[in-house]
Protein backbone atom coordinates (compact mmCIF):
# COMPACT_ATOMS: atom_id res chain seq x y z
CA TYR A 1 0.15 -0.37 -0.11
CA PRO A 2 1.23 3.26 -0.22
CA VAL A 3 2.00 5.60 2.53
CA LEU A 4 1.49 8.98 2.93
CA ASP A 5 4.23 11.20 4.91
CA LEU A 6 2.83 14.19 6.13
CA PRO A 7 4.37 16.51 7.92
CA VAL A 8 3.38 17.34 11.61
CA THR A 9 1.58 20.22 11.74
CA ASP A 10 -0.20 22.61 14.78
CA SER A 11 -1.92 25.83 13.12
CA LEU A 12 -5.28 25.97 10.95
CA ASP A 13 -3.18 26.34 7.59
CA GLY A 14 -1.35 23.50 8.09
CA VAL A 15 -4.93 21.77 8.68
CA ARG A 16 -6.06 22.90 5.50
CA ALA A 17 -2.74 21.86 3.95
CA SER A 18 -3.04 18.60 5.33
CA MET A 19 -6.29 17.63 4.15
CA ARG A 20 -5.47 19.60 0.15
CA THR A 21 -2.83 16.83 0.46
CA VAL A 22 -4.70 13.54 1.45
CA GLY A 23 -7.58 14.94 -0.81
CA ALA A 24 -4.96 14.97 -3.63
CA ALA A 25 -3.82 11.45 -2.54
CA LEU A 26 -7.04 9.94 -2.74
CA GLY A 27 -8.43 11.76 -5.63
CA ARG A 28 -10.97 13.49 -3.65
CA GLU A 29 -9.85 17.19 -3.60
CA ALA A 30 -13.40 18.34 -3.90
CA ARG A 31 -14.49 16.22 -1.06
CA ALA A 32 -11.20 17.79 0.92
CA GLU A 33 -12.21 20.99 0.26
CA ALA A 34 -15.70 21.01 1.24
CA VAL A 35 -14.72 19.74 4.57
CA ILE A 36 -11.99 22.60 4.71
CA ASP A 37 -15.12 24.96 3.78
CA ALA A 38 -16.94 23.59 6.75
CA MET A 39 -14.28 23.56 9.01
CA ASP A 40 -13.62 27.41 8.36
CA ALA A 41 -17.58 28.38 7.75
CA ARG A 42 -18.10 26.53 11.32
CA LEU A 43 -14.80 28.88 12.81
CA ALA A 44 -16.21 32.25 10.83
CA ASP A 45 -19.16 31.55 12.87
CA LEU A 46 -18.01 31.30 15.76
CA SER A 47 -15.74 33.87 15.78
CA ALA A 48 -18.27 36.23 14.41
CA ARG A 49 -20.89 35.38 17.76
CA ARG A 50 -17.99 36.62 20.56
CA PRO A 51 -17.17 40.06 21.02
CA ALA A 52 -14.00 41.10 20.92
CA PRO A 53 -11.32 39.90 22.93
CA THR A 54 -11.53 41.21 26.62
CA ARG A 55 -11.42 37.87 28.93
CA THR A 56 -8.38 35.77 29.69
CA ALA A 57 -8.59 31.81 28.97
CA LEU A 58 -5.68 29.38 30.03
CA VAL A 59 -6.26 25.99 28.71
CA TYR A 60 -4.94 23.16 30.80
CA ARG A 61 -4.28 19.55 29.17
CA THR A 62 -3.96 16.17 31.13
CA GLY A 63 -0.46 16.10 32.24
CA GLY A 64 -0.11 19.66 33.11
CA TYR A 65 0.73 20.87 29.56
CA VAL A 66 -0.95 24.77 28.51
CA ALA A 67 -1.55 25.67 24.91
CA GLY A 68 1.24 28.48 24.74
CA ALA A 69 2.30 31.21 22.41
CA THR A 70 1.82 29.34 19.23
CA GLY A 71 -0.51 26.88 17.64
CA SER A 72 -3.94 25.95 16.28
CA VAL A 73 -5.52 26.30 20.54
CA ASP A 74 -3.94 29.57 20.28
CA GLU A 75 -5.55 30.37 16.96
CA ILE A 76 -8.88 29.26 18.39
CA LEU A 77 -9.29 31.15 21.50
CA SER A 78 -8.08 34.26 19.27
CA ALA A 79 -11.00 33.43 17.09
CA LEU A 80 -13.54 33.15 20.14
CA GLY A 81 -12.71 36.56 21.78
CA LEU A 82 -10.22 35.06 23.86
CA VAL A 83 -6.74 36.18 25.15
CA ASN A 84 -4.29 33.43 26.11
CA ALA A 85 -3.27 33.60 29.53
CA ALA A 86 -0.23 31.21 28.52
CA ARG A 87 0.94 33.38 25.68
CA ALA A 88 0.38 36.67 27.89
CA MET A 89 3.11 34.41 30.48
CA GLY A 90 5.50 33.89 27.89
CA PHE A 91 4.59 29.90 27.75
CA ALA A 92 5.37 27.92 24.60
CA ALA A 93 2.51 25.40 23.29
CA GLY A 94 3.47 22.18 25.45
CA ALA A 95 4.86 23.85 28.23
CA ARG A 96 4.45 22.44 31.90
CA PRO A 97 4.38 25.50 34.14
CA PRO A 98 4.03 24.89 37.86
CA LEU A 99 0.42 25.41 39.22
CA GLU A 100 1.59 28.29 41.32
CA LEU A 101 2.40 30.09 37.93
CA LEU A 102 -0.90 29.13 36.84
CA LEU A 103 -2.88 30.67 39.99
CA GLN A 104 -1.11 34.04 39.47
CA ALA A 105 -2.75 34.36 35.67
CA ALA A 106 -6.08 34.70 37.38
CA PRO A 107 -7.88 33.42 33.83
CA ASP A 108 -11.60 34.59 33.40
CA VAL A 109 -11.69 30.59 31.91
CA LEU A 110 -9.97 27.75 32.34
CA VAL A 111 -10.34 25.47 29.37
CA ILE A 112 -9.38 21.80 30.68
CA GLY A 113 -8.90 18.88 27.88
CA GLY A 114 -10.88 16.11 28.76
CA TYR A 115 -9.18 12.50 28.87
CA ARG A 116 -10.55 9.20 29.20
CA GLY A 117 -13.52 10.45 31.21
CA ALA A 118 -13.09 9.12 34.76
CA VAL A 119 -10.80 5.96 33.70
CA PRO A 120 -7.81 7.18 36.38
CA THR A 121 -4.48 7.85 34.68
CA LEU A 122 -1.13 9.23 36.71
CA ALA A 123 -0.99 12.35 34.22
CA ALA A 124 -4.89 12.78 34.89
CA THR A 125 -4.38 13.53 38.67
CA ARG A 126 -3.08 17.17 38.16
CA MET A 127 -6.75 17.75 36.79
CA SER A 128 -7.94 17.33 40.17
CA HIS A 129 -5.16 19.36 41.94
CA ARG A 130 -6.69 21.56 44.83
CA ALA A 131 -4.40 24.35 43.53
CA LEU A 132 -6.08 23.96 40.00
CA ALA A 133 -9.27 24.20 41.98
CA ALA A 134 -8.53 27.76 42.67
CA VAL A 135 -7.59 28.77 38.93
CA ALA A 136 -11.27 29.25 38.34
CA PRO A 137 -14.26 28.54 39.73
CA PRO A 138 -16.44 25.82 38.51
CA ASP A 139 -18.78 27.85 36.51
CA ALA A 140 -15.94 29.47 34.69
CA ARG A 141 -14.53 25.77 33.54
CA VAL A 142 -15.00 24.51 30.08
CA THR A 143 -13.96 20.95 29.15
CA VAL A 144 -13.33 19.98 25.77
CA PRO A 145 -12.86 16.28 24.52
CA GLY A 146 -9.74 15.30 24.05
CA PRO A 147 -10.54 13.47 20.57
CA LEU A 148 -11.47 17.09 19.30
CA TRP A 149 -8.31 18.58 19.48
CA ALA A 150 -6.08 15.66 20.85
CA CYS A 151 -4.34 16.37 17.17
CA PRO A 152 -4.95 19.31 14.65
CA SER A 153 -7.77 18.39 11.96
CA PRO A 154 -11.11 19.67 10.88
CA TYR A 155 -12.56 18.67 14.64
CA LEU A 156 -10.44 21.42 15.68
CA ALA A 157 -14.23 23.47 14.81
CA ASP A 158 -15.73 20.90 17.16
CA ALA A 159 -13.54 22.09 19.96
CA ALA A 160 -14.06 25.66 19.44
CA ALA A 161 -17.90 25.42 19.16
CA VAL A 162 -17.82 23.69 22.91
CA ILE A 163 -15.79 26.37 24.16
CA ALA A 164 -18.49 28.90 22.69
CA ASP A 165 -21.26 27.13 23.88
CA ALA A 166 -19.92 27.17 27.08
CA LEU A 167 -19.08 31.20 26.94
CA ASP A 168 -22.41 31.86 25.64
CA GLU A 169 -23.81 29.77 28.33
CA THR A 170 -21.80 31.55 31.19
CA ASP A 171 -22.70 35.03 29.30
CA ARG A 172 -26.36 34.70 29.69
CA ALA A 173 -26.15 33.52 33.42
CA PRO A 174 -27.94 35.85 35.87
């Protein structure tokens, strides 16, 4: 079988390029463009719903990783009108800052990367740390299922929708 070797990417432009490469390899260029167009339309719609960046968000993933200054998650936060707290603190994507520094960030929204639900893992133990509970109250937390953004793909639009819907719900709360 032919093997297609795609470059590692962590940007929305990289997702688009990978989709086009795979579409061309399969002879399904039109389908690849349709998937890209659907992702872009959804992201544009979500972006249009959000105000100018006034709130900060910290993305904290299983194992203590943050979404830092570059990458697709940072792009999504910006599109949703959120300022990436890890970027503002100077962290690169994939950094593992101490919880004490995250407490200092005091984000308006804490976006948690969900991983295997209730299955206990060593990497998930940080997610229930008492210090993390002080970073943001429960009503200022959003959990994004891991499969939606574990790897850059068109599913990033679904991850963005989870965050946007949670923000909309918080905005409507009395």
